[in-house]
Amino acid sequence: MRAVLKRLWGARRALLFYGLLLVLGTLAGENLMSFAVPEMRPMNEPAIHRIVMMALVVFVVAAALPFVPGAEIGLALLLVFGGDAALLVYGGMVGALVLAYGVARLVPVRAVVRLAGWLRLERAARLAARLEASDGAELSLPGWGGRILRNRYLVLAALINLPGNSVLGGGGGIAFAAGISGLYRFWAYLATVLLAVAPVPLFFWLVR
């Protein structure tokens, strides 16, 4: 018990940083939800079109941001607009995950090494350093880490669809981590995202 408490005390900076990200992400999600999901009232077709387009833009931005529950905003849009918005929500979510991945590819892994070091996450810093020195394909990990690495695309799809994945960074955070890791090749990543995002929008489209 003492060892666990000592380890938690050593990781206090990381825990505080993680808690701050969760709080900021939740607050951002709540505020963006009010913009993305409009109050339905009688209005003409051009006004509805503008609202839908604005909602889609806000949804893509929210879903691309780490720790912002963007998937919940997409679900809310489907509940409000029904199956008619399924293709828009599907395209928006795929676009958001590709955007987060693409931005992450521009971030040097060295920045992650420094952040992990500042947070006193020594294992994470060492792993990030190994990623920096590897091209991804040649990286090997022992035990369960190796199994995850070998099935990383299946793990990615599962995490994207995991309920409450906002505690892991949400779709945007997961996509960002996939991009910065260098372990995911773009076309395979895109194919995984296209399949992983499909079930919920497809359901709404089929029952419209």
N, C-alpha and C. Protein backbone atom coordinates (compact mmCIF):
# COMPACT_ATOMS: atom_id res chain seq x y z
N MET A 1 0.83 -1.20 0.00
CA MET A 1 0.00 0.00 0.00
C MET A 1 0.87 1.25 0.00
N ARG A 2 1.93 1.20 0.81
CA ARG A 2 2.83 2.35 0.88
C ARG A 2 3.51 2.59 -0.46
N ALA A 3 3.86 1.49 -1.14
CA ALA A 3 4.52 1.62 -2.45
C ALA A 3 3.58 2.25 -3.47
N VAL A 4 2.29 1.87 -3.40
CA VAL A 4 1.30 2.45 -4.32
C VAL A 4 1.13 3.94 -4.08
N LEU A 5 1.03 4.32 -2.79
CA LEU A 5 0.88 5.72 -2.44
C LEU A 5 2.12 6.52 -2.86
N LYS A 6 3.29 5.91 -2.70
CA LYS A 6 4.52 6.58 -3.10
C LYS A 6 4.55 6.80 -4.61
N ARG A 7 4.08 5.78 -5.35
CA ARG A 7 4.06 5.90 -6.81
C ARG A 7 3.07 6.98 -7.25
N LEU A 8 1.91 7.02 -6.61
CA LEU A 8 0.92 8.05 -6.94
C LEU A 8 1.45 9.45 -6.61
N TRP A 9 2.15 9.56 -5.49
CA TRP A 9 2.73 10.85 -5.12
C TRP A 9 3.79 11.28 -6.13
N GLY A 10 4.54 10.32 -6.62
CA GLY A 10 5.55 10.63 -7.63
C GLY A 10 4.93 11.06 -8.95
N ALA A 11 3.71 10.56 -9.21
CA ALA A 11 3.04 10.90 -10.46
C ALA A 11 2.03 12.03 -10.30
N ARG A 12 2.14 12.79 -9.20
CA ARG A 12 1.13 13.82 -8.93
C ARG A 12 1.05 14.87 -10.03
N ARG A 13 2.20 15.22 -10.60
CA ARG A 13 2.18 16.23 -11.67
C ARG A 13 1.42 15.71 -12.88
N ALA A 14 1.64 14.43 -13.23
CA ALA A 14 0.93 13.83 -14.36
C ALA A 14 -0.56 13.73 -14.07
N LEU A 15 -0.92 13.36 -12.83
CA LEU A 15 -2.33 13.23 -12.47
C LEU A 15 -3.04 14.58 -12.52
N LEU A 16 -2.37 15.62 -12.05
CA LEU A 16 -2.97 16.96 -12.10
C LEU A 16 -3.13 17.42 -13.54
N PHE A 17 -2.14 17.14 -14.36
CA PHE A 17 -2.21 17.52 -15.77
C PHE A 17 -3.34 16.78 -16.47
N TYR A 18 -3.46 15.49 -16.17
CA TYR A 18 -4.53 14.67 -16.75
C TYR A 18 -5.90 15.17 -16.31
N GLY A 19 -6.03 15.48 -15.02
CA GLY A 19 -7.29 16.01 -14.52
C GLY A 19 -7.66 17.32 -15.17
N LEU A 20 -6.66 18.18 -15.38
CA LEU A 20 -6.91 19.46 -16.04
C LEU A 20 -7.40 19.25 -17.46
N LEU A 21 -6.79 18.31 -18.18
CA LEU A 21 -7.23 18.02 -19.55
C LEU A 21 -8.67 17.51 -19.57
N LEU A 22 -9.03 16.65 -18.62
CA LEU A 22 -10.39 16.13 -18.55
C LEU A 22 -11.40 17.25 -18.31
N VAL A 23 -11.08 18.13 -17.37
CA VAL A 23 -12.00 19.22 -17.04
C VAL A 23 -12.15 20.17 -18.22
N LEU A 24 -11.03 20.57 -18.82
CA LEU A 24 -11.09 21.48 -19.96
C LEU A 24 -11.82 20.85 -21.14
N GLY A 25 -11.57 19.56 -21.38
CA GLY A 25 -12.24 18.88 -22.48
C GLY A 25 -13.74 18.78 -22.27
N THR A 26 -14.14 18.49 -21.02
CA THR A 26 -15.57 18.39 -20.72
C THR A 26 -16.26 19.75 -20.88
N LEU A 27 -15.62 20.80 -20.36
CA LEU A 27 -16.20 22.14 -20.49
C LEU A 27 -16.30 22.56 -21.95
N ALA A 28 -15.25 22.28 -22.72
CA ALA A 28 -15.27 22.62 -24.14
C ALA A 28 -16.37 21.85 -24.86
N GLY A 29 -16.51 20.56 -24.51
CA GLY A 29 -17.55 19.76 -25.14
C GLY A 29 -18.94 20.27 -24.85
N GLU A 30 -19.18 20.69 -23.59
CA GLU A 30 -20.50 21.21 -23.23
C GLU A 30 -20.82 22.50 -23.98
N ASN A 31 -19.82 23.37 -24.10
CA ASN A 31 -20.05 24.63 -24.80
C ASN A 31 -20.21 24.43 -26.29
N LEU A 32 -19.41 23.54 -26.86
CA LEU A 32 -19.52 23.27 -28.30
C LEU A 32 -20.82 22.56 -28.62
N MET A 33 -21.32 21.77 -27.68
CA MET A 33 -22.60 21.08 -27.89
C MET A 33 -23.72 22.09 -28.12
N SER A 34 -23.70 23.20 -27.37
CA SER A 34 -24.75 24.20 -27.51
C SER A 34 -24.72 24.87 -28.88
N PHE A 35 -23.54 24.92 -29.50
CA PHE A 35 -23.43 25.48 -30.84
C PHE A 35 -23.77 24.46 -31.92
N ALA A 36 -23.33 23.21 -31.68
CA ALA A 36 -23.48 22.19 -32.71
C ALA A 36 -24.90 21.66 -32.81
N VAL A 37 -25.60 21.57 -31.68
CA VAL A 37 -26.95 21.00 -31.68
C VAL A 37 -27.95 22.13 -31.46
N PRO A 38 -28.59 22.60 -32.53
CA PRO A 38 -29.48 23.75 -32.41
C PRO A 38 -30.83 23.39 -31.80
N GLU A 39 -31.49 24.41 -31.30
CA GLU A 39 -32.86 24.24 -30.83
C GLU A 39 -33.78 24.24 -32.05
N MET A 40 -34.51 23.17 -32.23
CA MET A 40 -35.36 23.04 -33.42
C MET A 40 -36.62 23.88 -33.27
N ARG A 41 -36.87 24.71 -34.27
CA ARG A 41 -38.05 25.56 -34.30
C ARG A 41 -38.40 25.78 -35.76
N PRO A 42 -39.62 26.22 -36.06
CA PRO A 42 -39.99 26.46 -37.46
C PRO A 42 -39.06 27.47 -38.12
N MET A 43 -38.52 27.11 -39.28
CA MET A 43 -37.64 28.02 -40.02
C MET A 43 -37.61 27.59 -41.47
N ASN A 44 -37.15 28.50 -42.33
CA ASN A 44 -37.13 28.19 -43.76
C ASN A 44 -35.93 27.30 -44.10
N GLU A 45 -35.95 26.77 -45.31
CA GLU A 45 -34.92 25.80 -45.71
C GLU A 45 -33.51 26.38 -45.73
N PRO A 46 -33.30 27.61 -46.26
CA PRO A 46 -31.93 28.17 -46.22
C PRO A 46 -31.38 28.29 -44.81
N ALA A 47 -32.24 28.67 -43.85
CA ALA A 47 -31.78 28.79 -42.47
C ALA A 47 -31.39 27.43 -41.91
N ILE A 48 -32.18 26.41 -42.22
CA ILE A 48 -31.85 25.06 -41.77
C ILE A 48 -30.51 24.61 -42.36
N HIS A 49 -30.31 24.93 -43.63
CA HIS A 49 -29.05 24.55 -44.30
C HIS A 49 -27.85 25.21 -43.62
N ARG A 50 -27.96 26.49 -43.29
CA ARG A 50 -26.86 27.20 -42.63
C ARG A 50 -26.58 26.60 -41.26
N ILE A 51 -27.64 26.27 -40.53
CA ILE A 51 -27.48 25.70 -39.19
C ILE A 51 -26.79 24.35 -39.27
N VAL A 52 -27.20 23.53 -40.23
CA VAL A 52 -26.60 22.20 -40.38
C VAL A 52 -25.12 22.32 -40.72
N MET A 53 -24.77 23.25 -41.64
CA MET A 53 -23.37 23.42 -42.03
C MET A 53 -22.54 23.93 -40.85
N MET A 54 -23.08 24.86 -40.09
CA MET A 54 -22.36 25.37 -38.92
C MET A 54 -22.18 24.26 -37.89
N ALA A 55 -23.23 23.47 -37.68
CA ALA A 55 -23.16 22.36 -36.74
C ALA A 55 -22.10 21.35 -37.17
N LEU A 56 -22.00 21.10 -38.47
CA LEU A 56 -21.02 20.14 -38.97
C LEU A 56 -19.60 20.64 -38.73
N VAL A 57 -19.36 21.93 -38.98
CA VAL A 57 -18.02 22.50 -38.76
C VAL A 57 -17.63 22.40 -37.29
N VAL A 58 -18.56 22.77 -36.41
CA VAL A 58 -18.29 22.71 -34.97
C VAL A 58 -18.04 21.26 -34.55
N PHE A 59 -18.81 20.35 -35.10
CA PHE A 59 -18.65 18.93 -34.77
C PHE A 59 -17.27 18.42 -35.17
N VAL A 60 -16.81 18.76 -36.38
CA VAL A 60 -15.50 18.30 -36.85
C VAL A 60 -14.40 18.85 -35.95
N VAL A 61 -14.48 20.13 -35.63
CA VAL A 61 -13.46 20.74 -34.76
C VAL A 61 -13.46 20.07 -33.38
N ALA A 62 -14.65 19.88 -32.82
CA ALA A 62 -14.76 19.27 -31.49
C ALA A 62 -14.23 17.85 -31.49
N ALA A 63 -14.59 17.08 -32.51
CA ALA A 63 -14.18 15.68 -32.56
C ALA A 63 -12.68 15.53 -32.79
N ALA A 64 -12.04 16.54 -33.36
CA ALA A 64 -10.60 16.47 -33.62
C ALA A 64 -9.78 16.87 -32.40
N LEU A 65 -10.39 17.53 -31.42
CA LEU A 65 -9.66 18.01 -30.24
C LEU A 65 -9.54 16.90 -29.20
N PRO A 66 -8.34 16.65 -28.70
CA PRO A 66 -8.17 15.65 -27.64
C PRO A 66 -8.97 16.00 -26.38
N PHE A 67 -9.56 14.99 -25.79
CA PHE A 67 -10.31 15.06 -24.54
C PHE A 67 -11.64 15.82 -24.67
N VAL A 68 -12.03 16.17 -25.86
CA VAL A 68 -13.35 16.75 -26.09
C VAL A 68 -14.26 15.64 -26.59
N PRO A 69 -15.40 15.39 -25.94
CA PRO A 69 -16.29 14.28 -26.34
C PRO A 69 -17.01 14.56 -27.65
N GLY A 70 -16.29 14.51 -28.75
CA GLY A 70 -16.87 14.80 -30.06
C GLY A 70 -17.88 13.78 -30.52
N ALA A 71 -17.66 12.50 -30.17
CA ALA A 71 -18.59 11.46 -30.59
C ALA A 71 -19.98 11.70 -30.01
N GLU A 72 -20.04 12.22 -28.80
CA GLU A 72 -21.33 12.52 -28.18
C GLU A 72 -22.06 13.63 -28.95
N ILE A 73 -21.31 14.59 -29.47
CA ILE A 73 -21.92 15.64 -30.28
C ILE A 73 -22.47 15.04 -31.57
N GLY A 74 -21.72 14.14 -32.18
CA GLY A 74 -22.20 13.47 -33.39
C GLY A 74 -23.46 12.69 -33.13
N LEU A 75 -23.52 11.99 -32.00
CA LEU A 75 -24.72 11.23 -31.65
C LEU A 75 -25.91 12.16 -31.44
N ALA A 76 -25.65 13.31 -30.79
CA ALA A 76 -26.72 14.28 -30.58
C ALA A 76 -27.26 14.80 -31.91
N LEU A 77 -26.38 15.03 -32.86
CA LEU A 77 -26.82 15.49 -34.19
C LEU A 77 -27.68 14.42 -34.87
N LEU A 78 -27.30 13.17 -34.70
CA LEU A 78 -28.10 12.09 -35.29
C LEU A 78 -29.46 12.00 -34.63
N LEU A 79 -29.52 12.22 -33.33
CA LEU A 79 -30.80 12.16 -32.63
C LEU A 79 -31.70 13.33 -33.02
N VAL A 80 -31.10 14.49 -33.31
CA VAL A 80 -31.89 15.67 -33.68
C VAL A 80 -32.34 15.60 -35.14
N PHE A 81 -31.40 15.29 -36.04
CA PHE A 81 -31.70 15.33 -37.47
C PHE A 81 -32.05 13.97 -38.05
N GLY A 82 -31.79 12.90 -37.30
CA GLY A 82 -32.13 11.57 -37.77
C GLY A 82 -31.18 11.05 -38.83
N GLY A 83 -31.65 10.03 -39.54
CA GLY A 83 -30.84 9.38 -40.54
C GLY A 83 -30.45 10.26 -41.71
N ASP A 84 -31.17 11.36 -41.92
CA ASP A 84 -30.83 12.25 -43.03
C ASP A 84 -29.46 12.89 -42.83
N ALA A 85 -29.01 12.97 -41.58
CA ALA A 85 -27.70 13.56 -41.30
C ALA A 85 -26.61 12.51 -41.13
N ALA A 86 -26.95 11.23 -41.35
CA ALA A 86 -26.00 10.15 -41.08
C ALA A 86 -24.73 10.28 -41.91
N LEU A 87 -24.87 10.56 -43.19
CA LEU A 87 -23.69 10.66 -44.04
C LEU A 87 -22.83 11.86 -43.66
N LEU A 88 -23.47 12.97 -43.29
CA LEU A 88 -22.72 14.15 -42.87
C LEU A 88 -21.96 13.87 -41.58
N VAL A 89 -22.62 13.24 -40.62
CA VAL A 89 -21.97 12.93 -39.35
C VAL A 89 -20.83 11.93 -39.58
N TYR A 90 -21.07 10.95 -40.42
CA TYR A 90 -20.03 9.96 -40.73
C TYR A 90 -18.81 10.63 -41.37
N GLY A 91 -19.07 11.44 -42.38
CA GLY A 91 -17.97 12.14 -43.04
C GLY A 91 -17.26 13.10 -42.11
N GLY A 92 -18.03 13.77 -41.24
CA GLY A 92 -17.44 14.70 -40.29
C GLY A 92 -16.54 14.00 -39.29
N MET A 93 -16.97 12.85 -38.78
CA MET A 93 -16.16 12.13 -37.81
C MET A 93 -14.90 11.59 -38.45
N VAL A 94 -15.02 11.03 -39.64
CA VAL A 94 -13.84 10.53 -40.35
C VAL A 94 -12.87 11.69 -40.61
N GLY A 95 -13.41 12.82 -41.08
CA GLY A 95 -12.57 13.99 -41.33
C GLY A 95 -11.87 14.48 -40.08
N ALA A 96 -12.58 14.46 -38.94
CA ALA A 96 -11.98 14.90 -37.68
C ALA A 96 -10.84 14.00 -37.26
N LEU A 97 -11.02 12.69 -37.38
CA LEU A 97 -9.98 11.75 -36.97
C LEU A 97 -8.78 11.82 -37.90
N VAL A 98 -9.02 12.06 -39.18
CA VAL A 98 -7.90 12.24 -40.12
C VAL A 98 -7.17 13.55 -39.84
N LEU A 99 -7.94 14.59 -39.50
CA LEU A 99 -7.33 15.89 -39.17
C LEU A 99 -6.43 15.77 -37.95
N ALA A 100 -6.92 15.14 -36.89
CA ALA A 100 -6.12 14.97 -35.68
C ALA A 100 -4.87 14.16 -35.96
N TYR A 101 -5.01 13.11 -36.76
CA TYR A 101 -3.87 12.28 -37.14
C TYR A 101 -2.85 13.09 -37.93
N GLY A 102 -3.34 13.88 -38.89
CA GLY A 102 -2.45 14.66 -39.73
C GLY A 102 -1.69 15.72 -38.96
N VAL A 103 -2.39 16.39 -38.04
CA VAL A 103 -1.72 17.40 -37.20
C VAL A 103 -0.64 16.74 -36.35
N ALA A 104 -0.95 15.57 -35.80
CA ALA A 104 0.01 14.87 -34.95
C ALA A 104 1.26 14.47 -35.72
N ARG A 105 1.11 14.16 -37.01
CA ARG A 105 2.28 13.78 -37.81
C ARG A 105 3.27 14.93 -37.95
N LEU A 106 2.80 16.16 -37.72
CA LEU A 106 3.67 17.33 -37.83
C LEU A 106 4.38 17.64 -36.51
N VAL A 107 3.95 16.99 -35.43
CA VAL A 107 4.53 17.23 -34.11
C VAL A 107 5.73 16.32 -33.92
N PRO A 108 6.90 16.87 -33.60
CA PRO A 108 8.07 16.01 -33.38
C PRO A 108 7.92 15.14 -32.14
N VAL A 109 8.34 13.89 -32.24
CA VAL A 109 8.24 12.98 -31.11
C VAL A 109 9.08 13.50 -29.94
N ARG A 110 10.12 14.26 -30.24
CA ARG A 110 10.96 14.83 -29.19
C ARG A 110 10.13 15.66 -28.20
N ALA A 111 9.07 16.31 -28.72
CA ALA A 111 8.21 17.10 -27.84
C ALA A 111 7.49 16.19 -26.84
N VAL A 112 7.10 15.00 -27.29
CA VAL A 112 6.44 14.04 -26.40
C VAL A 112 7.42 13.53 -25.35
N VAL A 113 8.66 13.30 -25.77
CA VAL A 113 9.70 12.85 -24.83
C VAL A 113 9.88 13.89 -23.72
N ARG A 114 9.95 15.16 -24.13
CA ARG A 114 10.14 16.22 -23.15
C ARG A 114 8.93 16.36 -22.23
N LEU A 115 7.71 16.26 -22.81
CA LEU A 115 6.52 16.36 -21.98
C LEU A 115 6.45 15.22 -20.98
N ALA A 116 6.72 14.00 -21.44
CA ALA A 116 6.69 12.85 -20.53
C ALA A 116 7.74 13.00 -19.44
N GLY A 117 8.90 13.54 -19.80
CA GLY A 117 9.93 13.76 -18.80
C GLY A 117 9.51 14.80 -17.78
N TRP A 118 8.87 15.89 -18.25
CA TRP A 118 8.40 16.94 -17.35
C TRP A 118 7.33 16.41 -16.40
N LEU A 119 6.50 15.49 -16.90
CA LEU A 119 5.45 14.89 -16.08
C LEU A 119 5.99 13.76 -15.20
N ARG A 120 7.29 13.49 -15.34
CA ARG A 120 7.96 12.45 -14.56
C ARG A 120 7.41 11.05 -14.88
N LEU A 121 7.00 10.87 -16.12
CA LEU A 121 6.55 9.56 -16.59
C LEU A 121 7.73 8.91 -17.30
N GLU A 122 8.58 8.26 -16.52
CA GLU A 122 9.84 7.77 -17.06
C GLU A 122 9.64 6.68 -18.12
N ARG A 123 8.71 5.76 -17.87
CA ARG A 123 8.47 4.69 -18.84
C ARG A 123 7.94 5.26 -20.15
N ALA A 124 6.99 6.20 -20.05
CA ALA A 124 6.45 6.82 -21.26
C ALA A 124 7.53 7.58 -22.01
N ALA A 125 8.42 8.24 -21.27
CA ALA A 125 9.51 8.99 -21.91
C ALA A 125 10.45 8.04 -22.64
N ARG A 126 10.73 6.89 -22.02
CA ARG A 126 11.62 5.92 -22.67
C ARG A 126 10.97 5.33 -23.92
N LEU A 127 9.66 5.04 -23.83
CA LEU A 127 8.95 4.51 -24.99
C LEU A 127 8.92 5.53 -26.12
N ALA A 128 8.65 6.80 -25.79
CA ALA A 128 8.64 7.84 -26.81
C ALA A 128 10.01 7.99 -27.44
N ALA A 129 11.06 7.85 -26.65
CA ALA A 129 12.42 7.93 -27.18
C ALA A 129 12.68 6.77 -28.15
N ARG A 130 12.16 5.59 -27.82
CA ARG A 130 12.31 4.45 -28.73
C ARG A 130 11.54 4.68 -30.02
N LEU A 131 10.36 5.28 -29.92
CA LEU A 131 9.58 5.59 -31.12
C LEU A 131 10.32 6.60 -31.99
N GLU A 132 10.98 7.55 -31.34
CA GLU A 132 11.71 8.56 -32.09
C GLU A 132 12.87 7.93 -32.86
N ALA A 133 13.49 6.92 -32.26
CA ALA A 133 14.64 6.28 -32.89
C ALA A 133 14.25 5.19 -33.87
N SER A 134 12.95 4.86 -33.91
CA SER A 134 12.47 3.78 -34.77
C SER A 134 11.57 4.33 -35.86
N ASP A 135 11.44 3.60 -36.93
CA ASP A 135 10.51 3.99 -37.98
C ASP A 135 9.13 3.40 -37.75
N GLY A 136 8.90 2.79 -36.58
CA GLY A 136 7.59 2.22 -36.25
C GLY A 136 7.48 0.76 -36.62
N ALA A 137 7.82 0.40 -37.84
CA ALA A 137 7.66 -0.98 -38.29
C ALA A 137 8.63 -1.91 -37.58
N GLU A 138 9.79 -1.41 -37.18
CA GLU A 138 10.79 -2.25 -36.57
C GLU A 138 10.70 -2.26 -35.05
N LEU A 139 9.82 -1.50 -34.48
CA LEU A 139 9.70 -1.43 -33.04
C LEU A 139 9.12 -2.73 -32.49
N SER A 140 9.72 -3.22 -31.43
CA SER A 140 9.20 -4.43 -30.78
C SER A 140 9.09 -4.17 -29.29
N LEU A 141 8.04 -4.75 -28.68
CA LEU A 141 7.80 -4.59 -27.26
C LEU A 141 7.56 -5.96 -26.65
N PRO A 142 7.94 -6.16 -25.40
CA PRO A 142 7.72 -7.46 -24.77
C PRO A 142 6.30 -7.60 -24.23
N GLY A 143 5.87 -8.84 -24.01
CA GLY A 143 4.60 -9.11 -23.33
C GLY A 143 3.38 -8.55 -24.02
N TRP A 144 2.48 -8.00 -23.18
CA TRP A 144 1.21 -7.48 -23.70
C TRP A 144 1.43 -6.30 -24.64
N GLY A 145 2.51 -5.55 -24.43
CA GLY A 145 2.80 -4.44 -25.33
C GLY A 145 3.04 -4.91 -26.74
N GLY A 146 3.72 -6.05 -26.87
CA GLY A 146 3.96 -6.62 -28.20
C GLY A 146 2.68 -7.10 -28.85
N ARG A 147 1.77 -7.68 -28.06
CA ARG A 147 0.50 -8.14 -28.62
C ARG A 147 -0.34 -6.96 -29.11
N ILE A 148 -0.34 -5.88 -28.33
CA ILE A 148 -1.07 -4.68 -28.76
C ILE A 148 -0.47 -4.13 -30.04
N LEU A 149 0.86 -4.11 -30.11
CA LEU A 149 1.55 -3.58 -31.29
C LEU A 149 1.21 -4.38 -32.54
N ARG A 150 1.18 -5.71 -32.39
CA ARG A 150 0.88 -6.56 -33.55
C ARG A 150 -0.57 -6.39 -34.01
N ASN A 151 -1.48 -6.08 -33.10
CA ASN A 151 -2.90 -5.92 -33.44
C ASN A 151 -3.33 -4.46 -33.28
N ARG A 152 -2.43 -3.54 -33.56
CA ARG A 152 -2.69 -2.13 -33.25
C ARG A 152 -3.87 -1.54 -34.00
N TYR A 153 -4.13 -2.01 -35.21
CA TYR A 153 -5.27 -1.46 -35.95
C TYR A 153 -6.60 -1.93 -35.37
N LEU A 154 -6.65 -3.18 -34.91
CA LEU A 154 -7.85 -3.67 -34.23
C LEU A 154 -8.04 -2.94 -32.90
N VAL A 155 -6.94 -2.71 -32.18
CA VAL A 155 -7.02 -1.98 -30.92
C VAL A 155 -7.50 -0.56 -31.17
N LEU A 156 -7.02 0.07 -32.23
CA LEU A 156 -7.45 1.42 -32.59
C LEU A 156 -8.95 1.47 -32.84
N ALA A 157 -9.46 0.52 -33.62
CA ALA A 157 -10.89 0.48 -33.92
C ALA A 157 -11.71 0.28 -32.65
N ALA A 158 -11.22 -0.59 -31.76
CA ALA A 158 -11.93 -0.84 -30.51
C ALA A 158 -11.95 0.41 -29.63
N LEU A 159 -10.84 1.12 -29.55
CA LEU A 159 -10.77 2.32 -28.72
C LEU A 159 -11.67 3.43 -29.26
N ILE A 160 -11.76 3.55 -30.57
CA ILE A 160 -12.63 4.57 -31.17
C ILE A 160 -14.08 4.33 -30.79
N ASN A 161 -14.45 3.06 -30.70
CA ASN A 161 -15.85 2.71 -30.39
C ASN A 161 -16.08 2.44 -28.91
N LEU A 162 -15.07 2.61 -28.09
CA LEU A 162 -15.21 2.33 -26.66
C LEU A 162 -16.07 3.39 -25.99
N PRO A 163 -17.18 3.02 -25.34
CA PRO A 163 -18.01 4.01 -24.65
C PRO A 163 -17.19 4.74 -23.58
N GLY A 164 -17.37 6.05 -23.53
CA GLY A 164 -16.65 6.84 -22.54
C GLY A 164 -15.17 6.98 -22.81
N ASN A 165 -14.78 6.83 -24.08
CA ASN A 165 -13.35 6.91 -24.39
C ASN A 165 -12.78 8.32 -24.23
N SER A 166 -13.61 9.28 -23.84
CA SER A 166 -13.10 10.64 -23.59
C SER A 166 -12.08 10.65 -22.46
N VAL A 167 -12.16 9.66 -21.54
CA VAL A 167 -11.16 9.59 -20.47
C VAL A 167 -9.80 9.16 -21.01
N LEU A 168 -9.78 8.60 -22.21
CA LEU A 168 -8.53 8.23 -22.87
C LEU A 168 -8.10 9.28 -23.88
N GLY A 169 -8.82 10.39 -23.92
CA GLY A 169 -8.49 11.44 -24.88
C GLY A 169 -9.54 11.62 -25.94
N GLY A 170 -10.59 10.77 -25.93
CA GLY A 170 -11.62 10.86 -26.95
C GLY A 170 -11.09 10.45 -28.32
N GLY A 171 -11.96 10.52 -29.31
CA GLY A 171 -11.54 10.15 -30.66
C GLY A 171 -10.38 10.99 -31.14
N GLY A 172 -10.44 12.29 -30.87
CA GLY A 172 -9.37 13.18 -31.30
C GLY A 172 -8.05 12.85 -30.62
N GLY A 173 -8.09 12.58 -29.34
CA GLY A 173 -6.87 12.23 -28.62
C GLY A 173 -6.28 10.90 -29.07
N ILE A 174 -7.15 9.92 -29.31
CA ILE A 174 -6.69 8.62 -29.78
C ILE A 174 -6.07 8.74 -31.16
N ALA A 175 -6.72 9.52 -32.04
CA ALA A 175 -6.19 9.74 -33.39
C ALA A 175 -4.87 10.49 -33.33
N PHE A 176 -4.76 11.47 -32.43
CA PHE A 176 -3.53 12.23 -32.27
C PHE A 176 -2.39 11.32 -31.81
N ALA A 177 -2.69 10.45 -30.84
CA ALA A 177 -1.68 9.51 -30.36
C ALA A 177 -1.25 8.55 -31.47
N ALA A 178 -2.21 8.11 -32.28
CA ALA A 178 -1.87 7.22 -33.39
C ALA A 178 -0.96 7.91 -34.39
N GLY A 179 -1.23 9.18 -34.65
CA GLY A 179 -0.42 9.92 -35.61
C GLY A 179 0.99 10.19 -35.10
N ILE A 180 1.10 10.62 -33.86
CA ILE A 180 2.41 11.00 -33.33
C ILE A 180 3.29 9.78 -33.06
N SER A 181 2.67 8.62 -32.89
CA SER A 181 3.44 7.42 -32.60
C SER A 181 4.24 6.95 -33.81
N GLY A 182 3.74 7.25 -35.01
CA GLY A 182 4.40 6.78 -36.22
C GLY A 182 4.18 5.31 -36.50
N LEU A 183 3.33 4.68 -35.72
CA LEU A 183 3.09 3.24 -35.87
C LEU A 183 2.00 2.92 -36.87
N TYR A 184 1.27 3.93 -37.29
CA TYR A 184 0.12 3.70 -38.17
C TYR A 184 0.37 4.34 -39.53
N ARG A 185 0.38 3.51 -40.56
CA ARG A 185 0.52 4.00 -41.93
C ARG A 185 -0.80 4.62 -42.37
N PHE A 186 -0.71 5.72 -43.13
CA PHE A 186 -1.90 6.52 -43.38
C PHE A 186 -3.04 5.73 -44.00
N TRP A 187 -2.79 5.00 -45.07
CA TRP A 187 -3.90 4.35 -45.78
C TRP A 187 -4.53 3.24 -44.94
N ALA A 188 -3.72 2.52 -44.19
CA ALA A 188 -4.27 1.51 -43.28
C ALA A 188 -5.04 2.18 -42.15
N TYR A 189 -4.52 3.31 -41.66
CA TYR A 189 -5.22 4.07 -40.63
C TYR A 189 -6.56 4.56 -41.16
N LEU A 190 -6.57 5.11 -42.36
CA LEU A 190 -7.81 5.61 -42.96
C LEU A 190 -8.84 4.49 -43.12
N ALA A 191 -8.40 3.34 -43.60
CA ALA A 191 -9.32 2.21 -43.77
C ALA A 191 -9.90 1.78 -42.42
N THR A 192 -9.07 1.78 -41.39
CA THR A 192 -9.54 1.41 -40.05
C THR A 192 -10.58 2.40 -39.55
N VAL A 193 -10.31 3.69 -39.74
CA VAL A 193 -11.25 4.72 -39.29
C VAL A 193 -12.56 4.64 -40.07
N LEU A 194 -12.49 4.43 -41.38
CA LEU A 194 -13.71 4.33 -42.19
C LEU A 194 -14.62 3.21 -41.70
N LEU A 195 -14.03 2.10 -41.31
CA LEU A 195 -14.83 0.97 -40.81
C LEU A 195 -15.28 1.18 -39.37
N ALA A 196 -14.38 1.73 -38.54
CA ALA A 196 -14.69 1.87 -37.12
C ALA A 196 -15.79 2.88 -36.86
N VAL A 197 -15.85 3.94 -37.66
CA VAL A 197 -16.83 5.01 -37.45
C VAL A 197 -18.20 4.64 -38.01
N ALA A 198 -18.26 3.67 -38.91
CA ALA A 198 -19.47 3.40 -39.68
C ALA A 198 -20.69 2.88 -38.91
N PRO A 199 -20.55 2.03 -37.88
CA PRO A 199 -21.74 1.35 -37.33
C PRO A 199 -22.88 2.26 -36.89
N VAL A 200 -22.61 3.30 -36.10
CA VAL A 200 -23.70 4.14 -35.57
C VAL A 200 -24.37 4.94 -36.69
N PRO A 201 -23.62 5.68 -37.53
CA PRO A 201 -24.28 6.40 -38.63
C PRO A 201 -25.04 5.45 -39.57
N LEU A 202 -24.47 4.27 -39.81
CA LEU A 202 -25.14 3.30 -40.69
C LEU A 202 -26.47 2.87 -40.10
N PHE A 203 -26.51 2.65 -38.79
CA PHE A 203 -27.75 2.26 -38.13
C PHE A 203 -28.81 3.34 -38.31
N PHE A 204 -28.45 4.61 -38.06
CA PHE A 204 -29.42 5.69 -38.22
C PHE A 204 -29.86 5.85 -39.66
N TRP A 205 -28.94 5.60 -40.61
CA TRP A 205 -29.28 5.73 -42.03
C TRP A 205 -30.25 4.63 -42.45
N LEU A 206 -30.08 3.43 -41.90
CA LEU A 206 -30.93 2.30 -42.27
C LEU A 206 -32.33 2.42 -41.69
N VAL A 207 -32.47 3.03 -40.50
CA VAL A 207 -33.78 3.10 -39.85
C VAL A 207 -34.49 4.43 -40.09
N ARG A 208 -33.95 5.25 -40.96
CA ARG A 208 -34.59 6.56 -41.20
C ARG A 208 -35.96 6.37 -41.83
